[in-house]
């Protein structure tokens, strides 16, 4: 059984990876791992070593502490719904890149923030 901290870190990894528009394969290549290893990190079945967490933070341009943010907020084990994650997850399911781009442009227009695009 996975430890709750490993599950939390994995969820945060998936969140930031998705927000950065990187695939599991993209991240895995930079770490010289298989995408399956990234999957295991994200579901919490494999624990992320401190050195690997540091490398992930550099790749994803976040502080290592990012992966632990909100950890103590889950005091009652009730899952909290994060609309941002729901939007990113729904967007990831859209296969048509032109539609995705139009949706991202709409969100940028509404928020007033332009997201850096991955090449």
PDB file of N, CA and C in Angstrom:
ATOM      1  N   UNK A   1       0.839  -1.179   0.000  1.00  0.00           N
ATOM      2  CA  UNK A   1       0.000   0.000   0.000  1.00  0.00           C
ATOM      3  C   UNK A   1       0.887   1.247   0.000  1.00  0.00           C
ATOM      4  N   UNK A   2       0.518   2.214  -0.823  1.00  0.00           N
ATOM      5  CA  UNK A   2       1.303   3.439  -0.954  1.00  0.00           C
ATOM      6  C   UNK A   2       1.108   4.347   0.254  1.00  0.00           C
ATOM      7  N   UNK A   3       2.161   5.035   0.612  1.00  0.00           N
ATOM      8  CA  UNK A   3       2.110   5.993   1.713  1.00  0.00           C
ATOM      9  C   UNK A   3       1.390   7.256   1.223  1.00  0.00           C
ATOM     10  N   UNK A   4       0.565   7.882   2.053  1.00  0.00           N
ATOM     11  CA  UNK A   4      -0.171   9.087   1.647  1.00  0.00           C
ATOM     12  C   UNK A   4       0.724  10.220   1.142  1.00  0.00           C
ATOM     13  N   UNK A   5       1.931  10.340   1.694  1.00  0.00           N
ATOM     14  CA  UNK A   5       2.843  11.393   1.230  1.00  0.00           C
ATOM     15  C   UNK A   5       3.298  11.090  -0.195  1.00  0.00           C
ATOM     16  N   UNK A   6       3.585   9.831  -0.500  1.00  0.00           N
ATOM     17  CA  UNK A   6       4.002   9.455  -1.856  1.00  0.00           C
ATOM     18  C   UNK A   6       2.881   9.720  -2.851  1.00  0.00           C
ATOM     19  N   UNK A   7       1.654   9.466  -2.451  1.00  0.00           N
ATOM     20  CA  UNK A   7       0.496   9.727  -3.315  1.00  0.00           C
ATOM     21  C   UNK A   7       0.349  11.229  -3.552  1.00  0.00           C
ATOM     22  N   UNK A   8       0.512  12.020  -2.496  1.00  0.00           N
ATOM     23  CA  UNK A   8       0.410  13.481  -2.624  1.00  0.00           C
ATOM     24  C   UNK A   8       1.491  14.020  -3.558  1.00  0.00           C
ATOM     25  N   UNK A   9       2.734  13.594  -3.355  1.00  0.00           N
ATOM     26  CA  UNK A   9       3.843  14.040  -4.200  1.00  0.00           C
ATOM     27  C   UNK A   9       3.569  13.651  -5.656  1.00  0.00           C
ATOM     28  N   UNK A  10       3.065  12.453  -5.876  1.00  0.00           N
ATOM     29  CA  UNK A  10       2.739  12.011  -7.229  1.00  0.00           C
ATOM     30  C   UNK A  10       1.669  12.863  -7.882  1.00  0.00           C
ATOM     31  N   UNK A  11       0.652  13.230  -7.118  1.00  0.00           N
ATOM     32  CA  UNK A  11      -0.418  14.094  -7.652  1.00  0.00           C
ATOM     33  C   UNK A  11       0.129  15.464  -8.016  1.00  0.00           C
ATOM     34  N   UNK A  12       1.003  15.989  -7.166  1.00  0.00           N
ATOM     35  CA  UNK A  12       1.610  17.289  -7.457  1.00  0.00           C
ATOM     36  C   UNK A  12       2.505  17.207  -8.692  1.00  0.00           C
ATOM     37  N   UNK A  13       3.218  16.093  -8.843  1.00  0.00           N
ATOM     38  CA  UNK A  13       4.050  15.883 -10.031  1.00  0.00           C
ATOM     39  C   UNK A  13       3.181  15.890 -11.285  1.00  0.00           C
ATOM     40  N   UNK A  14       2.100  15.145 -11.252  1.00  0.00           N
ATOM     41  CA  UNK A  14       1.210  15.092 -12.417  1.00  0.00           C
ATOM     42  C   UNK A  14       0.610  16.459 -12.701  1.00  0.00           C
ATOM     43  N   UNK A  15       0.230  17.174 -11.648  1.00  0.00           N
ATOM     44  CA  UNK A  15      -0.359  18.496 -11.810  1.00  0.00           C
ATOM     45  C   UNK A  15       0.593  19.443 -12.541  1.00  0.00           C
ATOM     46  N   UNK A  16       1.817  19.562 -12.060  1.00  0.00           N
ATOM     47  CA  UNK A  16       2.743  20.516 -12.659  1.00  0.00           C
ATOM     48  C   UNK A  16       3.221  20.044 -14.031  1.00  0.00           C
ATOM     49  N   UNK A  17       3.372  18.740 -14.201  1.00  0.00           N
ATOM     50  CA  UNK A  17       3.781  18.217 -15.518  1.00  0.00           C
ATOM     51  C   UNK A  17       2.720  18.553 -16.553  1.00  0.00           C
ATOM     52  N   UNK A  18       1.460  18.359 -16.190  1.00  0.00           N
ATOM     53  CA  UNK A  18       0.358  18.640 -17.105  1.00  0.00           C
ATOM     54  C   UNK A  18       0.243  20.134 -17.378  1.00  0.00           C
ATOM     55  N   UNK A  19       0.389  20.942 -16.340  1.00  0.00           N
ATOM     56  CA  UNK A  19       0.326  22.391 -16.527  1.00  0.00           C
ATOM     57  C   UNK A  19       1.460  22.896 -17.413  1.00  0.00           C
ATOM     58  N   UNK A  20       2.589  22.223 -17.358  1.00  0.00           N
ATOM     59  CA  UNK A  20       3.734  22.602 -18.204  1.00  0.00           C
ATOM     60  C   UNK A  20       3.621  21.997 -19.609  1.00  0.00           C
ATOM     61  N   UNK A  21       2.548  21.264 -19.837  1.00  0.00           N
ATOM     62  CA  UNK A  21       2.284  20.627 -21.134  1.00  0.00           C
ATOM     63  C   UNK A  21       3.390  19.664 -21.538  1.00  0.00           C
ATOM     64  N   UNK A  22       3.847  18.909 -20.571  1.00  0.00           N
ATOM     65  CA  UNK A  22       4.858  17.891 -20.841  1.00  0.00           C
ATOM     66  C   UNK A  22       4.218  16.520 -20.689  1.00  0.00           C
ATOM     67  N   UNK A  23       4.610  15.599 -21.535  1.00  0.00           N
ATOM     68  CA  UNK A  23       4.127  14.221 -21.407  1.00  0.00           C
ATOM     69  C   UNK A  23       5.012  13.496 -20.392  1.00  0.00           C
ATOM     70  N   UNK A  24       4.547  12.343 -19.978  1.00  0.00           N
ATOM     71  CA  UNK A  24       5.372  11.521 -19.093  1.00  0.00           C
ATOM     72  C   UNK A  24       6.669  11.153 -19.799  1.00  0.00           C
ATOM     73  N   UNK A  25       6.594  10.923 -21.088  1.00  0.00           N
ATOM     74  CA  UNK A  25       7.777  10.589 -21.886  1.00  0.00           C
ATOM     75  C   UNK A  25       8.762  11.747 -21.915  1.00  0.00           C
ATOM     76  N   UNK A  26       8.243  12.984 -22.063  1.00  0.00           N
ATOM     77  CA  UNK A  26       9.126  14.162 -22.069  1.00  0.00           C
ATOM     78  C   UNK A  26       9.945  14.238 -20.784  1.00  0.00           C
ATOM     79  N   UNK A  27       9.272  14.076 -19.657  1.00  0.00           N
ATOM     80  CA  UNK A  27       9.950  14.153 -18.359  1.00  0.00           C
ATOM     81  C   UNK A  27      10.905  12.973 -18.194  1.00  0.00           C
ATOM     82  N   UNK A  28      10.450  11.799 -18.567  1.00  0.00           N
ATOM     83  CA  UNK A  28      11.268  10.589 -18.423  1.00  0.00           C
ATOM     84  C   UNK A  28      12.574  10.701 -19.209  1.00  0.00           C
ATOM     85  N   UNK A  29      12.497  11.236 -20.430  1.00  0.00           N
ATOM     86  CA  UNK A  29      13.706  11.372 -21.251  1.00  0.00           C
ATOM     87  C   UNK A  29      14.737  12.265 -20.573  1.00  0.00           C
ATOM     88  N   UNK A  30      14.268  13.347 -19.960  1.00  0.00           N
ATOM     89  CA  UNK A  30      15.200  14.262 -19.296  1.00  0.00           C
ATOM     90  C   UNK A  30      15.858  13.616 -18.080  1.00  0.00           C
ATOM     91  N   UNK A  31      15.161  12.646 -17.472  1.00  0.00           N
ATOM     92  CA  UNK A  31      15.698  11.948 -16.312  1.00  0.00           C
ATOM     93  C   UNK A  31      16.377  10.632 -16.677  1.00  0.00           C
ATOM     94  N   UNK A  32      16.331  10.288 -17.987  1.00  0.00           N
ATOM     95  CA  UNK A  32      16.872   9.021 -18.476  1.00  0.00           C
ATOM     96  C   UNK A  32      16.179   7.834 -17.803  1.00  0.00           C
ATOM     97  N   UNK A  33      14.839   7.936 -17.756  1.00  0.00           N
ATOM     98  CA  UNK A  33      13.980   6.891 -17.191  1.00  0.00           C
ATOM     99  C   UNK A  33      12.945   6.493 -18.233  1.00  0.00           C
ATOM    100  N   UNK A  34      12.164   5.479 -17.910  1.00  0.00           N
ATOM    101  CA  UNK A  34      11.041   5.113 -18.770  1.00  0.00           C
ATOM    102  C   UNK A  34       9.817   5.919 -18.353  1.00  0.00           C
ATOM    103  N   UNK A  35       8.883   6.092 -19.290  1.00  0.00           N
ATOM    104  CA  UNK A  35       7.666   6.817 -18.932  1.00  0.00           C
ATOM    105  C   UNK A  35       6.889   6.042 -17.879  1.00  0.00           C
ATOM    106  N   UNK A  36       7.064   4.711 -17.845  1.00  0.00           N
ATOM    107  CA  UNK A  36       6.378   3.900 -16.841  1.00  0.00           C
ATOM    108  C   UNK A  36       6.824   4.282 -15.429  1.00  0.00           C
ATOM    109  N   UNK A  37       8.081   4.656 -15.285  1.00  0.00           N
ATOM    110  CA  UNK A  37       8.578   5.066 -13.972  1.00  0.00           C
ATOM    111  C   UNK A  37       7.887   6.356 -13.544  1.00  0.00           C
ATOM    112  N   UNK A  38       7.705   7.274 -14.480  1.00  0.00           N
ATOM    113  CA  UNK A  38       7.001   8.523 -14.162  1.00  0.00           C
ATOM    114  C   UNK A  38       5.565   8.206 -13.772  1.00  0.00           C
ATOM    115  N   UNK A  39       4.930   7.267 -14.476  1.00  0.00           N
ATOM    116  CA  UNK A  39       3.567   6.835 -14.117  1.00  0.00           C
ATOM    117  C   UNK A  39       3.530   6.333 -12.675  1.00  0.00           C
ATOM    118  N   UNK A  40       4.497   5.526 -12.321  1.00  0.00           N
ATOM    119  CA  UNK A  40       4.542   4.962 -10.968  1.00  0.00           C
ATOM    120  C   UNK A  40       4.747   6.053  -9.924  1.00  0.00           C
ATOM    121  N   UNK A  41       5.569   7.047 -10.242  1.00  0.00           N
ATOM    122  CA  UNK A  41       5.730   8.187  -9.338  1.00  0.00           C
ATOM    123  C   UNK A  41       4.388   8.901  -9.166  1.00  0.00           C
ATOM    124  N   UNK A  42       3.702   9.126 -10.289  1.00  0.00           N
ATOM    125  CA  UNK A  42       2.468   9.913 -10.262  1.00  0.00           C
ATOM    126  C   UNK A  42       1.335   9.234  -9.502  1.00  0.00           C
ATOM    127  N   UNK A  43       1.296   7.916  -9.516  1.00  0.00           N
ATOM    128  CA  UNK A  43       0.230   7.239  -8.754  1.00  0.00           C
ATOM    129  C   UNK A  43       0.674   6.905  -7.337  1.00  0.00           C
ATOM    130  N   UNK A  44       1.936   7.162  -7.043  1.00  0.00           N
ATOM    131  CA  UNK A  44       2.438   6.953  -5.691  1.00  0.00           C
ATOM    132  C   UNK A  44       2.865   5.534  -5.390  1.00  0.00           C
ATOM    133  N   UNK A  45       2.898   4.672  -6.392  1.00  0.00           N
ATOM    134  CA  UNK A  45       3.311   3.292  -6.133  1.00  0.00           C
ATOM    135  C   UNK A  45       4.824   3.183  -5.962  1.00  0.00           C
ATOM    136  N   UNK A  46       5.577   4.124  -6.562  1.00  0.00           N
ATOM    137  CA  UNK A  46       7.017   4.201  -6.348  1.00  0.00           C
ATOM    138  C   UNK A  46       7.343   5.524  -5.683  1.00  0.00           C
ATOM    139  N   UNK A  47       8.165   5.461  -4.683  1.00  0.00           N
ATOM    140  CA  UNK A  47       8.581   6.643  -3.921  1.00  0.00           C
ATOM    141  C   UNK A  47       9.628   7.406  -4.717  1.00  0.00           C
ATOM    142  N   UNK A  48       9.543   8.741  -4.696  1.00  0.00           N
ATOM    143  CA  UNK A  48      10.515   9.585  -5.386  1.00  0.00           C
ATOM    144  C   UNK A  48      11.642   9.927  -4.421  1.00  0.00           C
ATOM    145  N   UNK A  49      12.862   9.555  -4.771  1.00  0.00           N
ATOM    146  CA  UNK A  49      14.026   9.859  -3.937  1.00  0.00           C
ATOM    147  C   UNK A  49      14.257  11.368  -3.908  1.00  0.00           C
ATOM    148  N   UNK A  50      14.891  11.852  -2.873  1.00  0.00           N
ATOM    149  CA  UNK A  50      15.138  13.285  -2.715  1.00  0.00           C
ATOM    150  C   UNK A  50      15.926  13.855  -3.897  1.00  0.00           C
ATOM    151  N   UNK A  51      16.943  13.139  -4.348  1.00  0.00           N
ATOM    152  CA  UNK A  51      17.740  13.626  -5.480  1.00  0.00           C
ATOM    153  C   UNK A  51      16.896  13.701  -6.753  1.00  0.00           C
ATOM    154  N   UNK A  52      16.031  12.730  -6.950  1.00  0.00           N
ATOM    155  CA  UNK A  52      15.149  12.712  -8.120  1.00  0.00           C
ATOM    156  C   UNK A  52      14.121  13.842  -8.015  1.00  0.00           C
ATOM    157  N   UNK A  53      13.620  14.077  -6.820  1.00  0.00           N
ATOM    158  CA  UNK A  53      12.663  15.157  -6.603  1.00  0.00           C
ATOM    159  C   UNK A  53      13.304  16.507  -6.928  1.00  0.00           C
ATOM    160  N   UNK A  54      14.568  16.651  -6.549  1.00  0.00           N
ATOM    161  CA  UNK A  54      15.311  17.870  -6.856  1.00  0.00           C
ATOM    162  C   UNK A  54      15.439  18.038  -8.379  1.00  0.00           C
ATOM    163  N   UNK A  55      15.761  16.958  -9.083  1.00  0.00           N
ATOM    164  CA  UNK A  55      15.871  17.002 -10.549  1.00  0.00           C
ATOM    165  C   UNK A  55      14.531  17.340 -11.186  1.00  0.00           C
ATOM    166  N   UNK A  56      13.454  16.737 -10.677  1.00  0.00           N
ATOM    167  CA  UNK A  56      12.117  17.026 -11.197  1.00  0.00           C
ATOM    168  C   UNK A  56      11.767  18.499 -11.008  1.00  0.00           C
ATOM    169  N   UNK A  57      12.111  19.045  -9.855  1.00  0.00           N
ATOM    170  CA  UNK A  57      11.831  20.454  -9.579  1.00  0.00           C
ATOM    171  C   UNK A  57      12.546  21.351 -10.591  1.00  0.00           C
ATOM    172  N   UNK A  58      13.795  21.017 -10.915  1.00  0.00           N
ATOM    173  CA  UNK A  58      14.544  21.807 -11.907  1.00  0.00           C
ATOM    174  C   UNK A  58      13.897  21.695 -13.284  1.00  0.00           C
ATOM    175  N   UNK A  59      13.556  20.482 -13.690  1.00  0.00           N
ATOM    176  CA  UNK A  59      12.948  20.258 -15.004  1.00  0.00           C
ATOM    177  C   UNK A  59      11.620  20.994 -15.128  1.00  0.00           C
ATOM    178  N   UNK A  60      10.824  20.961 -14.056  1.00  0.00           N
ATOM    179  CA  UNK A  60       9.474  21.531 -14.090  1.00  0.00           C
ATOM    180  C   UNK A  60       9.436  22.983 -13.613  1.00  0.00           C
ATOM    181  N   UNK A  61      10.605  23.529 -13.293  1.00  0.00           N
ATOM    182  CA  UNK A  61      10.748  24.925 -12.900  1.00  0.00           C
ATOM    183  C   UNK A  61       9.876  25.286 -11.696  1.00  0.00           C
ATOM    184  N   UNK A  62       9.985  24.462 -10.661  1.00  0.00           N
ATOM    185  CA  UNK A  62       9.316  24.725  -9.383  1.00  0.00           C
ATOM    186  C   UNK A  62      10.317  24.479  -8.262  1.00  0.00           C
ATOM    187  N   UNK A  63       9.966  24.949  -7.093  1.00  0.00           N
ATOM    188  CA  UNK A  63      10.770  24.671  -5.906  1.00  0.00           C
ATOM    189  C   UNK A  63      10.505  23.229  -5.479  1.00  0.00           C
ATOM    190  N   UNK A  64      11.487  22.530  -4.917  1.00  0.00           N
ATOM    191  CA  UNK A  64      11.210  21.173  -4.413  1.00  0.00           C
ATOM    192  C   UNK A  64      10.064  21.154  -3.400  1.00  0.00           C
ATOM    193  N   UNK A  65       9.877  22.245  -2.682  1.00  0.00           N
ATOM    194  CA  UNK A  65       8.796  22.304  -1.697  1.00  0.00           C
ATOM    195  C   UNK A  65       7.410  22.281  -2.352  1.00  0.00           C
ATOM    196  N   UNK A  66       7.343  22.606  -3.645  1.00  0.00           N
ATOM    197  CA  UNK A  66       6.064  22.580  -4.360  1.00  0.00           C
ATOM    198  C   UNK A  66       5.366  21.235  -4.194  1.00  0.00           C
ATOM    199  N   UNK A  67       6.151  20.160  -4.221  1.00  0.00           N
ATOM    200  CA  UNK A  67       5.586  18.816  -4.183  1.00  0.00           C
ATOM    201  C   UNK A  67       4.922  18.486  -2.842  1.00  0.00           C
ATOM    202  N   UNK A  68       5.212  19.298  -1.827  1.00  0.00           N
ATOM    203  CA  UNK A  68       4.640  19.066  -0.498  1.00  0.00           C
ATOM    204  C   UNK A  68       3.566  20.082  -0.129  1.00  0.00           C
ATOM    205  N   UNK A  69       3.361  21.082  -1.007  1.00  0.00           N
ATOM    206  CA  UNK A  69       2.346  22.095  -0.726  1.00  0.00           C
ATOM    207  C   UNK A  69       0.973  21.439  -0.607  1.00  0.00           C
ATOM    208  N   UNK A  70       0.245  21.858   0.415  1.00  0.00           N
ATOM    209  CA  UNK A  70      -1.100  21.337   0.615  1.00  0.00           C
ATOM    210  C   UNK A  70      -1.154  19.998   1.313  1.00  0.00           C
ATOM    211  N   UNK A  71      -0.013  19.467   1.667  1.00  0.00           N
ATOM    212  CA  UNK A  71       0.029  18.144   2.296  1.00  0.00           C
ATOM    213  C   UNK A  71      -0.732  18.127   3.609  1.00  0.00           C
ATOM    214  N   UNK A  72      -0.572  19.159   4.407  1.00  0.00           N
ATOM    215  CA  UNK A  72      -1.243  19.202   5.706  1.00  0.00           C
ATOM    216  C   UNK A  72      -2.665  19.722   5.606  1.00  0.00           C
ATOM    217  N   UNK A  73      -3.071  20.179   4.423  1.00  0.00           N
ATOM    218  CA  UNK A  73      -4.441  20.659   4.230  1.00  0.00           C
ATOM    219  C   UNK A  73      -5.434  19.506   4.200  1.00  0.00           C
ATOM    220  N   UNK A  74      -4.949  18.309   3.949  1.00  0.00           N
ATOM    221  CA  UNK A  74      -5.824  17.142   3.824  1.00  0.00           C
ATOM    222  C   UNK A  74      -6.004  16.469   5.180  1.00  0.00           C
ATOM    223  N   UNK A  75      -6.498  17.225   6.139  1.00  0.00           N
ATOM    224  CA  UNK A  75      -6.619  16.684   7.491  1.00  0.00           C
ATOM    225  C   UNK A  75      -7.745  15.681   7.641  1.00  0.00           C
ATOM    226  N   UNK A  76      -8.745  15.744   6.774  1.00  0.00           N
ATOM    227  CA  UNK A  76      -9.880  14.834   6.932  1.00  0.00           C
ATOM    228  C   UNK A  76      -9.980  13.794   5.825  1.00  0.00           C
ATOM    229  N   UNK A  77      -8.931  13.631   5.047  1.00  0.00           N
ATOM    230  CA  UNK A  77      -8.871  12.635   3.966  1.00  0.00           C
ATOM    231  C   UNK A  77      -9.960  12.794   2.908  1.00  0.00           C
ATOM    232  N   UNK A  78     -10.789  13.799   3.021  1.00  0.00           N
ATOM    233  CA  UNK A  78     -11.804  14.032   1.991  1.00  0.00           C
ATOM    234  C   UNK A  78     -11.123  14.691   0.803  1.00  0.00           C
ATOM    235  N   UNK A  79     -11.266  14.101  -0.386  1.00  0.00           N
ATOM    236  CA  UNK A  79     -10.605  14.698  -1.546  1.00  0.00           C
ATOM    237  C   UNK A  79     -11.206  16.064  -1.861  1.00  0.00           C
ATOM    238  N   UNK A  80     -10.320  17.037  -2.081  1.00  0.00           N
ATOM    239  CA  UNK A  80     -10.773  18.372  -2.438  1.00  0.00           C
ATOM    240  C   UNK A  80     -10.730  18.490  -3.945  1.00  0.00           C
ATOM    241  N   UNK A  81     -11.771  19.060  -4.486  1.00  0.00           N
ATOM    242  CA  UNK A  81     -11.852  19.236  -5.920  1.00  0.00           C
ATOM    243  C   UNK A  81     -11.121  20.517  -6.303  1.00  0.00           C
ATOM    244  N   UNK A  82     -10.184  20.417  -7.216  1.00  0.00           N
ATOM    245  CA  UNK A  82      -9.448  21.575  -7.702  1.00  0.00           C
ATOM    246  C   UNK A  82      -9.875  21.824  -9.141  1.00  0.00           C
ATOM    247  N   UNK A  83     -10.620  22.899  -9.382  1.00  0.00           N
ATOM    248  CA  UNK A  83     -11.097  23.167 -10.744  1.00  0.00           C
ATOM    249  C   UNK A  83      -9.960  23.269 -11.758  1.00  0.00           C
ATOM    250  N   UNK A  84      -8.803  23.761 -11.341  1.00  0.00           N
ATOM    251  CA  UNK A  84      -7.670  23.875 -12.267  1.00  0.00           C
ATOM    252  C   UNK A  84      -7.253  22.507 -12.787  1.00  0.00           C
ATOM    253  N   UNK A  85      -7.196  21.537 -11.894  1.00  0.00           N
ATOM    254  CA  UNK A  85      -6.805  20.185 -12.285  1.00  0.00           C
ATOM    255  C   UNK A  85      -7.866  19.588 -13.193  1.00  0.00           C
ATOM    256  N   UNK A  86      -9.124  19.838 -12.875  1.00  0.00           N
ATOM    257  CA  UNK A  86     -10.209  19.314 -13.705  1.00  0.00           C
ATOM    258  C   UNK A  86     -10.133  19.894 -15.112  1.00  0.00           C
ATOM    259  N   UNK A  87      -9.833  21.191 -15.224  1.00  0.00           N
ATOM    260  CA  UNK A  87      -9.716  21.835 -16.537  1.00  0.00           C
ATOM    261  C   UNK A  87      -8.542  21.240 -17.309  1.00  0.00           C
ATOM    262  N   UNK A  88      -7.402  21.116 -16.649  1.00  0.00           N
ATOM    263  CA  UNK A  88      -6.210  20.568 -17.314  1.00  0.00           C
ATOM    264  C   UNK A  88      -6.461  19.124 -17.747  1.00  0.00           C
ATOM    265  N   UNK A  89      -7.098  18.349 -16.897  1.00  0.00           N
ATOM    266  CA  UNK A  89      -7.384  16.952 -17.234  1.00  0.00           C
ATOM    267  C   UNK A  89      -8.318  16.864 -18.434  1.00  0.00           C
ATOM    268  N   UNK A  90      -9.349  17.703 -18.440  1.00  0.00           N
ATOM    269  CA  UNK A  90     -10.295  17.696 -19.567  1.00  0.00           C
ATOM    270  C   UNK A  90      -9.601  18.150 -20.848  1.00  0.00           C
ATOM    271  N   UNK A  91      -8.767  19.166 -20.740  1.00  0.00           N
ATOM    272  CA  UNK A  91      -8.035  19.659 -21.904  1.00  0.00           C
ATOM    273  C   UNK A  91      -7.104  18.586 -22.466  1.00  0.00           C
ATOM    274  N   UNK A  92      -6.477  17.831 -21.582  1.00  0.00           N
ATOM    275  CA  UNK A  92      -5.555  16.771 -22.017  1.00  0.00           C
ATOM    276  C   UNK A  92      -6.271  15.681 -22.802  1.00  0.00           C
ATOM    277  N   UNK A  93      -7.566  15.515 -22.576  1.00  0.00           N
ATOM    278  CA  UNK A  93      -8.327  14.476 -23.275  1.00  0.00           C
ATOM    279  C   UNK A  93      -8.738  14.881 -24.694  1.00  0.00           C
ATOM    280  N   UNK A  94      -8.644  16.156 -25.014  1.00  0.00           N
ATOM    281  CA  UNK A  94      -9.009  16.645 -26.345  1.00  0.00           C
ATOM    282  C   UNK A  94      -7.895  16.271 -27.318  1.00  0.00           C
ATOM    283  N   UNK A  95      -8.258  15.576 -28.373  1.00  0.00           N
ATOM    284  CA  UNK A  95      -7.257  15.095 -29.336  1.00  0.00           C
ATOM    285  C   UNK A  95      -6.882  16.137 -30.390  1.00  0.00           C
ATOM    286  N   UNK A  96      -7.813  17.006 -30.726  1.00  0.00           N
ATOM    287  CA  UNK A  96      -7.599  17.992 -31.784  1.00  0.00           C
ATOM    288  C   UNK A  96      -6.766  19.164 -31.249  1.00  0.00           C
ATOM    289  N   UNK A  97      -5.521  19.302 -31.742  1.00  0.00           N
ATOM    290  CA  UNK A  97      -4.622  20.347 -31.254  1.00  0.00           C
ATOM    291  C   UNK A  97      -5.135  21.751 -31.551  1.00  0.00           C
ATOM    292  N   UNK A  98      -5.844  21.931 -32.658  1.00  0.00           N
ATOM    293  CA  UNK A  98      -6.381  23.252 -32.994  1.00  0.00           C
ATOM    294  C   UNK A  98      -7.439  23.676 -31.974  1.00  0.00           C
ATOM    295  N   UNK A  99      -8.286  22.735 -31.584  1.00  0.00           N
ATOM    296  CA  UNK A  99      -9.309  23.036 -30.576  1.00  0.00           C
ATOM    297  C   UNK A  99      -8.648  23.339 -29.239  1.00  0.00           C
ATOM    298  N   UNK A 100      -7.650  22.529 -28.867  1.00  0.00           N
ATOM    299  CA  UNK A 100      -6.925  22.783 -27.618  1.00  0.00           C
ATOM    300  C   UNK A 100      -6.347  24.192 -27.612  1.00  0.00           C
ATOM    301  N   UNK A 101      -5.728  24.562 -28.713  1.00  0.00           N
ATOM    302  CA  UNK A 101      -5.097  25.873 -28.814  1.00  0.00           C
ATOM    303  C   UNK A 101      -6.130  26.990 -28.665  1.00  0.00           C
ATOM    304  N   UNK A 102      -7.299  26.814 -29.269  1.00  0.00           N
ATOM    305  CA  UNK A 102      -8.359  27.823 -29.162  1.00  0.00           C
ATOM    306  C   UNK A 102      -8.844  27.951 -27.721  1.00  0.00           C
ATOM    307  N   UNK A 103      -8.958  26.824 -27.027  1.00  0.00           N
ATOM    308  CA  UNK A 103      -9.398  26.856 -25.633  1.00  0.00           C
ATOM    309  C   UNK A 103      -8.354  27.549 -24.768  1.00  0.00           C
ATOM    310  N   UNK A 104      -7.081  27.228 -24.980  1.00  0.00           N
ATOM    311  CA  UNK A 104      -6.009  27.868 -24.211  1.00  0.00           C
ATOM    312  C   UNK A 104      -6.008  29.373 -24.472  1.00  0.00           C
ATOM    313  N   UNK A 105      -6.175  29.771 -25.725  1.00  0.00           N
ATOM    314  CA  UNK A 105      -6.234  31.195 -26.059  1.00  0.00           C
ATOM    315  C   UNK A 105      -7.398  31.876 -25.344  1.00  0.00           C
ATOM    316  N   UNK A 106      -8.548  31.210 -25.310  1.00  0.00           N
ATOM    317  CA  UNK A 106      -9.707  31.746 -24.596  1.00  0.00           C
ATOM    318  C   UNK A 106      -9.389  31.940 -23.111  1.00  0.00           C
ATOM    319  N   UNK A 107      -8.793  30.924 -22.494  1.00  0.00           N
ATOM    320  CA  UNK A 107      -8.454  31.004 -21.069  1.00  0.00           C
ATOM    321  C   UNK A 107      -7.446  32.127 -20.833  1.00  0.00           C
ATOM    322  N   UNK A 108      -6.473  32.263 -21.730  1.00  0.00           N
ATOM    323  CA  UNK A 108      -5.503  33.350 -21.607  1.00  0.00           C
ATOM    324  C   UNK A 108      -6.197  34.708 -21.700  1.00  0.00           C
ATOM    325  N   UNK A 109      -7.127  34.841 -22.638  1.00  0.00           N
ATOM    326  CA  UNK A 109      -7.863  36.106 -22.804  1.00  0.00           C
ATOM    327  C   UNK A 109      -8.656  36.449 -21.548  1.00  0.00           C
ATOM    328  N   UNK A 110      -9.332  35.462 -20.993  1.00  0.00           N
ATOM    329  CA  UNK A 110     -10.147  35.681 -19.802  1.00  0.00           C
ATOM    330  C   UNK A 110      -9.280  36.002 -18.591  1.00  0.00           C
ATOM    331  N   UNK A 111      -8.158  35.302 -18.451  1.00  0.00           N
ATOM    332  CA  UNK A 111      -7.299  35.491 -17.271  1.00  0.00           C
ATOM    333  C   UNK A 111      -6.358  36.667 -17.393  1.00  0.00           C
ATOM    334  N   UNK A 112      -6.087  37.079 -18.632  1.00  0.00           N
ATOM    335  CA  UNK A 112      -5.140  38.160 -18.847  1.00  0.00           C
ATOM    336  C   UNK A 112      -3.692  37.716 -18.730  1.00  0.00           C
ATOM    337  N   UNK A 113      -3.475  36.405 -18.734  1.00  0.00           N
ATOM    338  CA  UNK A 113      -2.125  35.846 -18.609  1.00  0.00           C
ATOM    339  C   UNK A 113      -1.838  34.988 -19.824  1.00  0.00           C
ATOM    340  N   UNK A 114      -0.657  35.153 -20.410  1.00  0.00           N
ATOM    341  CA  UNK A 114      -0.246  34.327 -21.532  1.00  0.00           C
ATOM    342  C   UNK A 114       0.652  33.217 -21.025  1.00  0.00           C
ATOM    343  N   UNK A 115       0.335  31.984 -21.418  1.00  0.00           N
ATOM    344  CA  UNK A 115       1.098  30.828 -20.999  1.00  0.00           C
ATOM    345  C   UNK A 115       2.223  30.581 -21.983  1.00  0.00           C
ATOM    346  N   UNK A 116       3.418  30.315 -21.463  1.00  0.00           N
ATOM    347  CA  UNK A 116       4.552  29.991 -22.322  1.00  0.00           C
ATOM    348  C   UNK A 116       4.283  28.666 -23.016  1.00  0.00           C
ATOM    349  N   UNK A 117       4.461  28.633 -24.322  1.00  0.00           N
ATOM    350  CA  UNK A 117       4.206  27.425 -25.097  1.00  0.00           C
ATOM    351  C   UNK A 117       5.456  26.586 -25.203  1.00  0.00           C
ATOM    352  N   UNK A 118       5.303  25.250 -25.112  1.00  0.00           N
ATOM    353  CA  UNK A 118       6.415  24.321 -25.327  1.00  0.00           C
ATOM    354  C   UNK A 118       6.601  24.146 -26.817  1.00  0.00           C
ATOM    355  N   UNK A 119       7.847  24.112 -27.271  1.00  0.00           N
ATOM    356  CA  UNK A 119       8.121  23.909 -28.709  1.00  0.00           C
ATOM    357  C   UNK A 119       8.099  22.464 -29.052  1.00  0.00           C
TER     358      UNK A 119
END
